[in-house]
Amino acid sequence: RWSFSSQTPEKLTAQVAARLAQTQPLTLQRDLQACTRFDISQRLAEIDSPTLVICGSEDKMTPPEQASFLVEHIPGARLAWVQGAGHMLMLERPETIARLIQAFLAEC
């Protein structure tokens, strides 16, 4: 439930839950630990590539405040909000994500 917005169809959350259940518990644990420990916040100013930060307005795992932090600290970064999407916004709103990325790349 933390991965999706409140508007996500139950069918999609059930499909993802079934796939996640196939993952070895130790693999999932290590993945989550790696995400928790990874912190380059002090080096964000060194990023010199065009950067688009995309965030779901209902993301609980990587909250909007963190997306804003990235945009504030990566030179020239842009932020795109996907209203009504959670952390798995690429599954919840694939067409929207594709359009955002295509538009961004066309401008680069």
PDB file of N, CA and C in Angstrom:
ATOM      1  N   ARG A   1       0.808  -1.200   0.000  1.00  0.00           N
ATOM      2  CA  ARG A   1       0.000   0.000   0.000  1.00  0.00           C
ATOM      3  C   ARG A   1       0.851   1.263   0.000  1.00  0.00           C
ATOM      4  N   TRP A   2       2.034   1.215   0.568  1.00  0.00           N
ATOM      5  CA  TRP A   2       2.899   2.393   0.601  1.00  0.00           C
ATOM      6  C   TRP A   2       3.442   2.732  -0.780  1.00  0.00           C
ATOM      7  N   SER A   3       3.432   1.798  -1.678  1.00  0.00           N
ATOM      8  CA  SER A   3       4.015   2.018  -2.999  1.00  0.00           C
ATOM      9  C   SER A   3       3.073   2.703  -3.973  1.00  0.00           C
ATOM     10  N   PHE A   4       1.787   2.685  -3.696  1.00  0.00           N
ATOM     11  CA  PHE A   4       0.809   3.176  -4.647  1.00  0.00           C
ATOM     12  C   PHE A   4      -0.057   4.280  -4.055  1.00  0.00           C
ATOM     13  N   SER A   5      -0.673   5.025  -4.948  1.00  0.00           N
ATOM     14  CA  SER A   5      -1.613   6.058  -4.513  1.00  0.00           C
ATOM     15  C   SER A   5      -2.927   5.401  -4.102  1.00  0.00           C
ATOM     16  N   SER A   6      -3.752   6.182  -3.470  1.00  0.00           N
ATOM     17  CA  SER A   6      -5.061   5.678  -3.052  1.00  0.00           C
ATOM     18  C   SER A   6      -5.973   5.415  -4.242  1.00  0.00           C
ATOM     19  N   GLN A   7      -5.619   5.930  -5.411  1.00  0.00           N
ATOM     20  CA  GLN A   7      -6.451   5.793  -6.606  1.00  0.00           C
ATOM     21  C   GLN A   7      -6.071   4.597  -7.480  1.00  0.00           C
ATOM     22  N   THR A   8      -5.026   3.872  -7.103  1.00  0.00           N
ATOM     23  CA  THR A   8      -4.544   2.773  -7.933  1.00  0.00           C
ATOM     24  C   THR A   8      -5.527   1.607  -7.904  1.00  0.00           C
ATOM     25  N   PRO A   9      -5.849   1.073  -9.075  1.00  0.00           N
ATOM     26  CA  PRO A   9      -6.760  -0.075  -9.115  1.00  0.00           C
ATOM     27  C   PRO A   9      -6.207  -1.274  -8.333  1.00  0.00           C
ATOM     28  N   GLU A  10      -7.074  -1.950  -7.641  1.00  0.00           N
ATOM     29  CA  GLU A  10      -6.694  -3.114  -6.836  1.00  0.00           C
ATOM     30  C   GLU A  10      -6.010  -4.179  -7.685  1.00  0.00           C
ATOM     31  N   LYS A  11      -6.426  -4.319  -8.919  1.00  0.00           N
ATOM     32  CA  LYS A  11      -5.826  -5.323  -9.804  1.00  0.00           C
ATOM     33  C   LYS A  11      -4.330  -5.076  -9.970  1.00  0.00           C
ATOM     34  N   LEU A  12      -3.928  -3.820 -10.152  1.00  0.00           N
ATOM     35  CA  LEU A  12      -2.522  -3.492 -10.317  1.00  0.00           C
ATOM     36  C   LEU A  12      -1.745  -3.745  -9.027  1.00  0.00           C
ATOM     37  N   THR A  13      -2.278  -3.330  -7.897  1.00  0.00           N
ATOM     38  CA  THR A  13      -1.561  -3.561  -6.637  1.00  0.00           C
ATOM     39  C   THR A  13      -1.430  -5.056  -6.356  1.00  0.00           C
ATOM     40  N   ALA A  14      -2.447  -5.833  -6.715  1.00  0.00           N
ATOM     41  CA  ALA A  14      -2.389  -7.285  -6.512  1.00  0.00           C
ATOM     42  C   ALA A  14      -1.326  -7.919  -7.406  1.00  0.00           C
ATOM     43  N   GLN A  15      -1.217  -7.445  -8.652  1.00  0.00           N
ATOM     44  CA  GLN A  15      -0.196  -7.966  -9.564  1.00  0.00           C
ATOM     45  C   GLN A  15       1.204  -7.684  -9.030  1.00  0.00           C
ATOM     46  N   VAL A  16       1.418  -6.487  -8.555  1.00  0.00           N
ATOM     47  CA  VAL A  16       2.739  -6.126  -8.028  1.00  0.00           C
ATOM     48  C   VAL A  16       3.025  -6.902  -6.749  1.00  0.00           C
ATOM     49  N   ALA A  17       2.033  -7.056  -5.898  1.00  0.00           N
ATOM     50  CA  ALA A  17       2.216  -7.827  -4.669  1.00  0.00           C
ATOM     51  C   ALA A  17       2.591  -9.272  -4.982  1.00  0.00           C
ATOM     52  N   ALA A  18       1.967  -9.843  -6.000  1.00  0.00           N
ATOM     53  CA  ALA A  18       2.277 -11.226  -6.390  1.00  0.00           C
ATOM     54  C   ALA A  18       3.719 -11.329  -6.887  1.00  0.00           C
ATOM     55  N   ARG A  19       4.157 -10.372  -7.688  1.00  0.00           N
ATOM     56  CA  ARG A  19       5.550 -10.375  -8.173  1.00  0.00           C
ATOM     57  C   ARG A  19       6.525 -10.179  -7.022  1.00  0.00           C
ATOM     58  N   LEU A  20       6.184  -9.290  -6.123  1.00  0.00           N
ATOM     59  CA  LEU A  20       7.052  -9.030  -4.973  1.00  0.00           C
ATOM     60  C   LEU A  20       7.170 -10.263  -4.087  1.00  0.00           C
ATOM     61  N   ALA A  21       6.094 -11.017  -3.986  1.00  0.00           N
ATOM     62  CA  ALA A  21       6.107 -12.241  -3.179  1.00  0.00           C
ATOM     63  C   ALA A  21       7.061 -13.286  -3.756  1.00  0.00           C
ATOM     64  N   GLN A  22       7.412 -13.168  -5.026  1.00  0.00           N
ATOM     65  CA  GLN A  22       8.353 -14.088  -5.659  1.00  0.00           C
ATOM     66  C   GLN A  22       9.807 -13.718  -5.356  1.00  0.00           C
ATOM     67  N   THR A  23      10.011 -12.550  -4.793  1.00  0.00           N
ATOM     68  CA  THR A  23      11.358 -12.081  -4.477  1.00  0.00           C
ATOM     69  C   THR A  23      11.816 -12.716  -3.169  1.00  0.00           C
ATOM     70  N   GLN A  24      13.047 -13.184  -3.164  1.00  0.00           N
ATOM     71  CA  GLN A  24      13.609 -13.742  -1.934  1.00  0.00           C
ATOM     72  C   GLN A  24      13.623 -12.666  -0.850  1.00  0.00           C
ATOM     73  N   PRO A  25      13.188 -12.979   0.361  1.00  0.00           N
ATOM     74  CA  PRO A  25      13.144 -11.988   1.441  1.00  0.00           C
ATOM     75  C   PRO A  25      14.487 -11.291   1.671  1.00  0.00           C
ATOM     76  N   LEU A  26      15.583 -12.029   1.601  1.00  0.00           N
ATOM     77  CA  LEU A  26      16.897 -11.420   1.819  1.00  0.00           C
ATOM     78  C   LEU A  26      17.213 -10.409   0.712  1.00  0.00           C
ATOM     79  N   THR A  27      16.820 -10.703  -0.503  1.00  0.00           N
ATOM     80  CA  THR A  27      17.034  -9.775  -1.620  1.00  0.00           C
ATOM     81  C   THR A  27      16.264  -8.488  -1.385  1.00  0.00           C
ATOM     82  N   LEU A  28      15.017  -8.609  -0.994  1.00  0.00           N
ATOM     83  CA  LEU A  28      14.204  -7.430  -0.716  1.00  0.00           C
ATOM     84  C   LEU A  28      14.788  -6.637   0.459  1.00  0.00           C
ATOM     85  N   GLN A  29      15.200  -7.332   1.496  1.00  0.00           N
ATOM     86  CA  GLN A  29      15.780  -6.663   2.661  1.00  0.00           C
ATOM     87  C   GLN A  29      17.028  -5.881   2.258  1.00  0.00           C
ATOM     88  N   ARG A  30      17.894  -6.499   1.478  1.00  0.00           N
ATOM     89  CA  ARG A  30      19.124  -5.822   1.053  1.00  0.00           C
ATOM     90  C   ARG A  30      18.832  -4.646   0.140  1.00  0.00           C
ATOM     91  N   ASP A  31      17.829  -4.792  -0.701  1.00  0.00           N
ATOM     92  CA  ASP A  31      17.433  -3.690  -1.572  1.00  0.00           C
ATOM     93  C   ASP A  31      16.971  -2.492  -0.744  1.00  0.00           C
ATOM     94  N   LEU A  32      16.107  -2.738   0.217  1.00  0.00           N
ATOM     95  CA  LEU A  32      15.606  -1.655   1.057  1.00  0.00           C
ATOM     96  C   LEU A  32      16.722  -1.042   1.904  1.00  0.00           C
ATOM     97  N   GLN A  33      17.635  -1.873   2.403  1.00  0.00           N
ATOM     98  CA  GLN A  33      18.764  -1.347   3.173  1.00  0.00           C
ATOM     99  C   GLN A  33      19.659  -0.478   2.296  1.00  0.00           C
ATOM    100  N   ALA A  34      19.905  -0.914   1.069  1.00  0.00           N
ATOM    101  CA  ALA A  34      20.737  -0.125   0.155  1.00  0.00           C
ATOM    102  C   ALA A  34      20.085   1.222  -0.129  1.00  0.00           C
ATOM    103  N   CYS A  35      18.791   1.225  -0.341  1.00  0.00           N
ATOM    104  CA  CYS A  35      18.085   2.486  -0.584  1.00  0.00           C
ATOM    105  C   CYS A  35      18.159   3.403   0.634  1.00  0.00           C
ATOM    106  N   THR A  36      18.009   2.833   1.809  1.00  0.00           N
ATOM    107  CA  THR A  36      18.044   3.617   3.037  1.00  0.00           C
ATOM    108  C   THR A  36      19.423   4.207   3.290  1.00  0.00           C
ATOM    109  N   ARG A  37      20.452   3.445   2.996  1.00  0.00           N
ATOM    110  CA  ARG A  37      21.826   3.886   3.286  1.00  0.00           C
ATOM    111  C   ARG A  37      22.418   4.806   2.219  1.00  0.00           C
ATOM    112  N   PHE A  38      21.882   4.754   1.000  1.00  0.00           N
ATOM    113  CA  PHE A  38      22.434   5.537  -0.097  1.00  0.00           C
ATOM    114  C   PHE A  38      22.133   7.017   0.130  1.00  0.00           C
ATOM    115  N   ASP A  39      23.165   7.813   0.248  1.00  0.00           N
ATOM    116  CA  ASP A  39      22.978   9.247   0.486  1.00  0.00           C
ATOM    117  C   ASP A  39      24.118  10.020  -0.165  1.00  0.00           C
ATOM    118  N   ILE A  40      23.804  10.696  -1.236  1.00  0.00           N
ATOM    119  CA  ILE A  40      24.796  11.566  -1.876  1.00  0.00           C
ATOM    120  C   ILE A  40      24.313  13.017  -1.830  1.00  0.00           C
ATOM    121  N   SER A  41      23.490  13.311  -0.862  1.00  0.00           N
ATOM    122  CA  SER A  41      22.904  14.649  -0.781  1.00  0.00           C
ATOM    123  C   SER A  41      23.954  15.753  -0.748  1.00  0.00           C
ATOM    124  N   GLN A  42      25.120  15.470  -0.199  1.00  0.00           N
ATOM    125  CA  GLN A  42      26.177  16.475  -0.141  1.00  0.00           C
ATOM    126  C   GLN A  42      26.878  16.665  -1.480  1.00  0.00           C
ATOM    127  N   ARG A  43      26.600  15.790  -2.447  1.00  0.00           N
ATOM    128  CA  ARG A  43      27.276  15.853  -3.742  1.00  0.00           C
ATOM    129  C   ARG A  43      26.339  16.235  -4.898  1.00  0.00           C
ATOM    130  N   LEU A  44      25.114  16.588  -4.592  1.00  0.00           N
ATOM    131  CA  LEU A  44      24.141  16.874  -5.640  1.00  0.00           C
ATOM    132  C   LEU A  44      24.585  18.021  -6.550  1.00  0.00           C
ATOM    133  N   ALA A  45      25.275  18.992  -6.019  1.00  0.00           N
ATOM    134  CA  ALA A  45      25.737  20.136  -6.815  1.00  0.00           C
ATOM    135  C   ALA A  45      26.739  19.718  -7.892  1.00  0.00           C
ATOM    136  N   GLU A  46      27.315  18.532  -7.766  1.00  0.00           N
ATOM    137  CA  GLU A  46      28.276  18.047  -8.755  1.00  0.00           C
ATOM    138  C   GLU A  46      27.599  17.489 -10.010  1.00  0.00           C
ATOM    139  N   ILE A  47      26.323  17.257  -9.951  1.00  0.00           N
ATOM    140  CA  ILE A  47      25.612  16.691 -11.105  1.00  0.00           C
ATOM    141  C   ILE A  47      25.533  17.762 -12.182  1.00  0.00           C
ATOM    142  N   ASP A  48      26.078  17.438 -13.350  1.00  0.00           N
ATOM    143  CA  ASP A  48      26.097  18.426 -14.429  1.00  0.00           C
ATOM    144  C   ASP A  48      25.359  17.933 -15.680  1.00  0.00           C
ATOM    145  N   SER A  49      24.515  16.957 -15.516  1.00  0.00           N
ATOM    146  CA  SER A  49      23.694  16.445 -16.610  1.00  0.00           C
ATOM    147  C   SER A  49      22.283  16.996 -16.471  1.00  0.00           C
ATOM    148  N   PRO A  50      21.601  17.164 -17.590  1.00  0.00           N
ATOM    149  CA  PRO A  50      20.198  17.585 -17.489  1.00  0.00           C
ATOM    150  C   PRO A  50      19.441  16.604 -16.600  1.00  0.00           C
ATOM    151  N   THR A  51      18.655  17.147 -15.703  1.00  0.00           N
ATOM    152  CA  THR A  51      17.991  16.311 -14.706  1.00  0.00           C
ATOM    153  C   THR A  51      16.513  16.640 -14.607  1.00  0.00           C
ATOM    154  N   LEU A  52      15.702  15.610 -14.724  1.00  0.00           N
ATOM    155  CA  LEU A  52      14.263  15.729 -14.521  1.00  0.00           C
ATOM    156  C   LEU A  52      13.903  14.850 -13.334  1.00  0.00           C
ATOM    157  N   VAL A  53      13.342  15.461 -12.325  1.00  0.00           N
ATOM    158  CA  VAL A  53      12.873  14.728 -11.146  1.00  0.00           C
ATOM    159  C   VAL A  53      11.362  14.582 -11.306  1.00  0.00           C
ATOM    160  N   ILE A  54      10.896  13.348 -11.283  1.00  0.00           N
ATOM    161  CA  ILE A  54       9.462  13.087 -11.423  1.00  0.00           C
ATOM    162  C   ILE A  54       8.972  12.502 -10.111  1.00  0.00           C
ATOM    163  N   CYS A  55       7.906  13.070  -9.585  1.00  0.00           N
ATOM    164  CA  CYS A  55       7.414  12.618  -8.283  1.00  0.00           C
ATOM    165  C   CYS A  55       5.897  12.535  -8.288  1.00  0.00           C
ATOM    166  N   GLY A  56       5.389  11.462  -7.705  1.00  0.00           N
ATOM    167  CA  GLY A  56       3.953  11.324  -7.523  1.00  0.00           C
ATOM    168  C   GLY A  56       3.507  12.137  -6.326  1.00  0.00           C
ATOM    169  N   SER A  57       2.404  12.802  -6.447  1.00  0.00           N
ATOM    170  CA  SER A  57       1.920  13.658  -5.356  1.00  0.00           C
ATOM    171  C   SER A  57       1.563  12.871  -4.103  1.00  0.00           C
ATOM    172  N   GLU A  58       1.348  11.560  -4.242  1.00  0.00           N
ATOM    173  CA  GLU A  58       1.011  10.719  -3.086  1.00  0.00           C
ATOM    174  C   GLU A  58       2.127   9.740  -2.739  1.00  0.00           C
ATOM    175  N   ASP A  59       3.337  10.051  -3.151  1.00  0.00           N
ATOM    176  CA  ASP A  59       4.468   9.156  -2.872  1.00  0.00           C
ATOM    177  C   ASP A  59       4.794   9.194  -1.384  1.00  0.00           C
ATOM    178  N   LYS A  60       4.690   8.049  -0.725  1.00  0.00           N
ATOM    179  CA  LYS A  60       4.993   7.939   0.703  1.00  0.00           C
ATOM    180  C   LYS A  60       6.409   7.431   0.938  1.00  0.00           C
ATOM    181  N   MET A  61       6.979   6.750  -0.046  1.00  0.00           N
ATOM    182  CA  MET A  61       8.311   6.161   0.130  1.00  0.00           C
ATOM    183  C   MET A  61       9.410   7.178  -0.168  1.00  0.00           C
ATOM    184  N   THR A  62       9.183   8.023  -1.158  1.00  0.00           N
ATOM    185  CA  THR A  62      10.098   9.119  -1.460  1.00  0.00           C
ATOM    186  C   THR A  62       9.212  10.359  -1.542  1.00  0.00           C
ATOM    187  N   PRO A  63       8.936  10.963  -0.410  1.00  0.00           N
ATOM    188  CA  PRO A  63       7.954  12.045  -0.346  1.00  0.00           C
ATOM    189  C   PRO A  63       8.307  13.248  -1.219  1.00  0.00           C
ATOM    190  N   PRO A  64       7.288  14.006  -1.598  1.00  0.00           N
ATOM    191  CA  PRO A  64       7.495  15.199  -2.414  1.00  0.00           C
ATOM    192  C   PRO A  64       8.558  16.161  -1.863  1.00  0.00           C
ATOM    193  N   GLU A  65       8.697  16.245  -0.558  1.00  0.00           N
ATOM    194  CA  GLU A  65       9.721  17.130   0.009  1.00  0.00           C
ATOM    195  C   GLU A  65      11.119  16.720  -0.459  1.00  0.00           C
ATOM    196  N   GLN A  66      11.330  15.420  -0.607  1.00  0.00           N
ATOM    197  CA  GLN A  66      12.638  14.945  -1.068  1.00  0.00           C
ATOM    198  C   GLN A  66      12.852  15.274  -2.537  1.00  0.00           C
ATOM    199  N   ALA A  67      11.798  15.212  -3.329  1.00  0.00           N
ATOM    200  CA  ALA A  67      11.906  15.601  -4.734  1.00  0.00           C
ATOM    201  C   ALA A  67      12.254  17.077  -4.833  1.00  0.00           C
ATOM    202  N   SER A  68      11.607  17.888  -4.034  1.00  0.00           N
ATOM    203  CA  SER A  68      11.904  19.326  -4.016  1.00  0.00           C
ATOM    204  C   SER A  68      13.342  19.572  -3.595  1.00  0.00           C
ATOM    205  N   PHE A  69      13.826  18.829  -2.633  1.00  0.00           N
ATOM    206  CA  PHE A  69      15.216  18.955  -2.182  1.00  0.00           C
ATOM    207  C   PHE A  69      16.180  18.690  -3.340  1.00  0.00           C
ATOM    208  N   LEU A  70      15.896  17.628  -4.103  1.00  0.00           N
ATOM    209  CA  LEU A  70      16.757  17.315  -5.244  1.00  0.00           C
ATOM    210  C   LEU A  70      16.800  18.476  -6.236  1.00  0.00           C
ATOM    211  N   VAL A  71      15.646  19.012  -6.565  1.00  0.00           N
ATOM    212  CA  VAL A  71      15.569  20.098  -7.538  1.00  0.00           C
ATOM    213  C   VAL A  71      16.285  21.346  -7.022  1.00  0.00           C
ATOM    214  N   GLU A  72      16.198  21.586  -5.738  1.00  0.00           N
ATOM    215  CA  GLU A  72      16.867  22.757  -5.150  1.00  0.00           C
ATOM    216  C   GLU A  72      18.384  22.616  -5.153  1.00  0.00           C
ATOM    217  N   HIS A  73      18.889  21.391  -5.158  1.00  0.00           N
ATOM    218  CA  HIS A  73      20.330  21.175  -5.002  1.00  0.00           C
ATOM    219  C   HIS A  73      21.052  20.645  -6.247  1.00  0.00           C
ATOM    220  N   ILE A  74      20.306  20.270  -7.281  1.00  0.00           N
ATOM    221  CA  ILE A  74      20.924  19.847  -8.541  1.00  0.00           C
ATOM    222  C   ILE A  74      20.805  21.021  -9.510  1.00  0.00           C
ATOM    223  N   PRO A  75      21.926  21.554  -9.953  1.00  0.00           N
ATOM    224  CA  PRO A  75      21.883  22.725 -10.842  1.00  0.00           C
ATOM    225  C   PRO A  75      21.027  22.471 -12.086  1.00  0.00           C
ATOM    226  N   GLY A  76      20.068  23.360 -12.305  1.00  0.00           N
ATOM    227  CA  GLY A  76      19.235  23.285 -13.500  1.00  0.00           C
ATOM    228  C   GLY A  76      18.183  22.191 -13.504  1.00  0.00           C
ATOM    229  N   ALA A  77      18.052  21.461 -12.426  1.00  0.00           N
ATOM    230  CA  ALA A  77      17.074  20.361 -12.383  1.00  0.00           C
ATOM    231  C   ALA A  77      15.650  20.908 -12.471  1.00  0.00           C
ATOM    232  N   ARG A  78      14.793  20.090 -13.061  1.00  0.00           N
ATOM    233  CA  ARG A  78      13.378  20.447 -13.159  1.00  0.00           C
ATOM    234  C   ARG A  78      12.548  19.386 -12.455  1.00  0.00           C
ATOM    235  N   LEU A  79      11.409  19.806 -11.989  1.00  0.00           N
ATOM    236  CA  LEU A  79      10.514  18.914 -11.250  1.00  0.00           C
ATOM    237  C   LEU A  79       9.195  18.779 -11.999  1.00  0.00           C
ATOM    238  N   ALA A  80       8.740  17.545 -12.138  1.00  0.00           N
ATOM    239  CA  ALA A  80       7.432  17.262 -12.727  1.00  0.00           C
ATOM    240  C   ALA A  80       6.605  16.490 -11.700  1.00  0.00           C
ATOM    241  N   TRP A  81       5.464  17.033 -11.363  1.00  0.00           N
ATOM    242  CA  TRP A  81       4.546  16.377 -10.431  1.00  0.00           C
ATOM    243  C   TRP A  81       3.546  15.548 -11.215  1.00  0.00           C
ATOM    244  N   VAL A  82       3.288  14.367 -10.724  1.00  0.00           N
ATOM    245  CA  VAL A  82       2.237  13.530 -11.303  1.00  0.00           C
ATOM    246  C   VAL A  82       1.155  13.422 -10.233  1.00  0.00           C
ATOM    247  N   GLN A  83       0.104  14.185 -10.436  1.00  0.00           N
ATOM    248  CA  GLN A  83      -0.975  14.238  -9.456  1.00  0.00           C
ATOM    249  C   GLN A  83      -1.666  12.883  -9.327  1.00  0.00           C
ATOM    250  N   GLY A  84      -1.934  12.506  -8.095  1.00  0.00           N
ATOM    251  CA  GLY A  84      -2.662  11.277  -7.832  1.00  0.00           C
ATOM    252  C   GLY A  84      -1.863  10.007  -8.013  1.00  0.00           C
ATOM    253  N   ALA A  85      -0.540  10.124  -8.124  1.00  0.00           N
ATOM    254  CA  ALA A  85       0.307   8.934  -8.279  1.00  0.00           C
ATOM    255  C   ALA A  85       1.148   8.750  -7.021  1.00  0.00           C
ATOM    256  N   GLY A  86       1.527   7.507  -6.775  1.00  0.00           N
ATOM    257  CA  GLY A  86       2.371   7.185  -5.635  1.00  0.00           C
ATOM    258  C   GLY A  86       3.801   6.915  -6.074  1.00  0.00           C
ATOM    259  N   HIS A  87       4.499   6.100  -5.320  1.00  0.00           N
ATOM    260  CA  HIS A  87       5.902   5.780  -5.595  1.00  0.00           C
ATOM    261  C   HIS A  87       6.072   4.986  -6.886  1.00  0.00           C
ATOM    262  N   MET A  88       5.103   4.177  -7.212  1.00  0.00           N
ATOM    263  CA  MET A  88       5.174   3.345  -8.414  1.00  0.00           C
ATOM    264  C   MET A  88       4.507   4.054  -9.588  1.00  0.00           C
ATOM    265  N   LEU A  89       4.782   5.331  -9.714  1.00  0.00           N
ATOM    266  CA  LEU A  89       4.100   6.140 -10.710  1.00  0.00           C
ATOM    267  C   LEU A  89       4.326   5.656 -12.133  1.00  0.00           C
ATOM    268  N   MET A  90       5.435   4.994 -12.389  1.00  0.00           N
ATOM    269  CA  MET A  90       5.672   4.478 -13.739  1.00  0.00           C
ATOM    270  C   MET A  90       4.731   3.330 -14.080  1.00  0.00           C
ATOM    271  N   LEU A  91       4.199   2.663 -13.075  1.00  0.00           N
ATOM    272  CA  LEU A  91       3.193   1.623 -13.295  1.00  0.00           C
ATOM    273  C   LEU A  91       1.778   2.209 -13.249  1.00  0.00           C
ATOM    274  N   GLU A  92       1.602   3.200 -12.404  1.00  0.00           N
ATOM    275  CA  GLU A  92       0.294   3.822 -12.253  1.00  0.00           C
ATOM    276  C   GLU A  92      -0.067   4.721 -13.437  1.00  0.00           C
ATOM    277  N   ARG A  93       0.924   5.444 -13.947  1.00  0.00           N
ATOM    278  CA  ARG A  93       0.686   6.430 -15.012  1.00  0.00           C
ATOM    279  C   ARG A  93       1.749   6.315 -16.119  1.00  0.00           C
ATOM    280  N   PRO A  94       1.883   5.134 -16.754  1.00  0.00           N
ATOM    281  CA  PRO A  94       2.965   4.942 -17.734  1.00  0.00           C
ATOM    282  C   PRO A  94       2.938   5.931 -18.897  1.00  0.00           C
ATOM    283  N   GLU A  95       1.760   6.265 -19.390  1.00  0.00           N
ATOM    284  CA  GLU A  95       1.684   7.200 -20.521  1.00  0.00           C
ATOM    285  C   GLU A  95       2.152   8.592 -20.111  1.00  0.00           C
ATOM    286  N   THR A  96       1.762   9.002 -18.930  1.00  0.00           N
ATOM    287  CA  THR A  96       2.172  10.318 -18.424  1.00  0.00           C
ATOM    288  C   THR A  96       3.684  10.376 -18.262  1.00  0.00           C
ATOM    289  N   ILE A  97       4.256   9.330 -17.695  1.00  0.00           N
ATOM    290  CA  ILE A  97       5.703   9.293 -17.487  1.00  0.00           C
ATOM    291  C   ILE A  97       6.425   9.317 -18.827  1.00  0.00           C
ATOM    292  N   ALA A  98       5.942   8.540 -19.783  1.00  0.00           N
ATOM    293  CA  ALA A  98       6.571   8.518 -21.107  1.00  0.00           C
ATOM    294  C   ALA A  98       6.531   9.897 -21.748  1.00  0.00           C
ATOM    295  N   ARG A  99       5.394  10.588 -21.651  1.00  0.00           N
ATOM    296  CA  ARG A  99       5.289  11.935 -22.236  1.00  0.00           C
ATOM    297  C   ARG A  99       6.242  12.908 -21.560  1.00  0.00           C
ATOM    298  N   LEU A 100       6.330  12.842 -20.242  1.00  0.00           N
ATOM    299  CA  LEU A 100       7.231  13.742 -19.516  1.00  0.00           C
ATOM    300  C   LEU A 100       8.687  13.515 -19.932  1.00  0.00           C
ATOM    301  N   ILE A 101       9.083  12.263 -20.023  1.00  0.00           N
ATOM    302  CA  ILE A 101      10.466  11.948 -20.393  1.00  0.00           C
ATOM    303  C   ILE A 101      10.735  12.330 -21.852  1.00  0.00           C
ATOM    304  N   GLN A 102       9.804  12.048 -22.732  1.00  0.00           N
ATOM    305  CA  GLN A 102       9.995  12.409 -24.140  1.00  0.00           C
ATOM    306  C   GLN A 102      10.126  13.930 -24.305  1.00  0.00           C
ATOM    307  N   ALA A 103       9.274  14.682 -23.632  1.00  0.00           N
ATOM    308  CA  ALA A 103       9.335  16.143 -23.721  1.00  0.00           C
ATOM    309  C   ALA A 103      10.660  16.663 -23.159  1.00  0.00           C
ATOM    310  N   PHE A 104      11.083  16.094 -22.045  1.00  0.00           N
ATOM    311  CA  PHE A 104      12.353  16.508 -21.433  1.00  0.00           C
ATOM    312  C   PHE A 104      13.517  16.225 -22.352  1.00  0.00           C
ATOM    313  N   LEU A 105      13.558  15.036 -22.927  1.00  0.00           N
ATOM    314  CA  LEU A 105      14.654  14.674 -23.819  1.00  0.00           C
ATOM    315  C   LEU A 105      14.664  15.520 -25.095  1.00  0.00           C
ATOM    316  N   ALA A 106      13.498  15.885 -25.568  1.00  0.00           N
ATOM    317  CA  ALA A 106      13.416  16.729 -26.759  1.00  0.00           C
ATOM    318  C   ALA A 106      14.006  18.120 -26.505  1.00  0.00           C
ATOM    319  N   GLU A 107      13.964  18.554 -25.254  1.00  0.00           N
ATOM    320  CA  GLU A 107      14.495  19.874 -24.899  1.00  0.00           C
ATOM    321  C   GLU A 107      16.001  19.832 -24.613  1.00  0.00           C
ATOM    322  N   CYS A 108      16.536  18.668 -24.365  1.00  0.00           N
ATOM    323  CA  CYS A 108      17.969  18.554 -23.986  1.00  0.00           C
ATOM    324  C   CYS A 108      18.894  18.687 -25.171  1.00  0.00           C
TER     325      CYS A 108
END
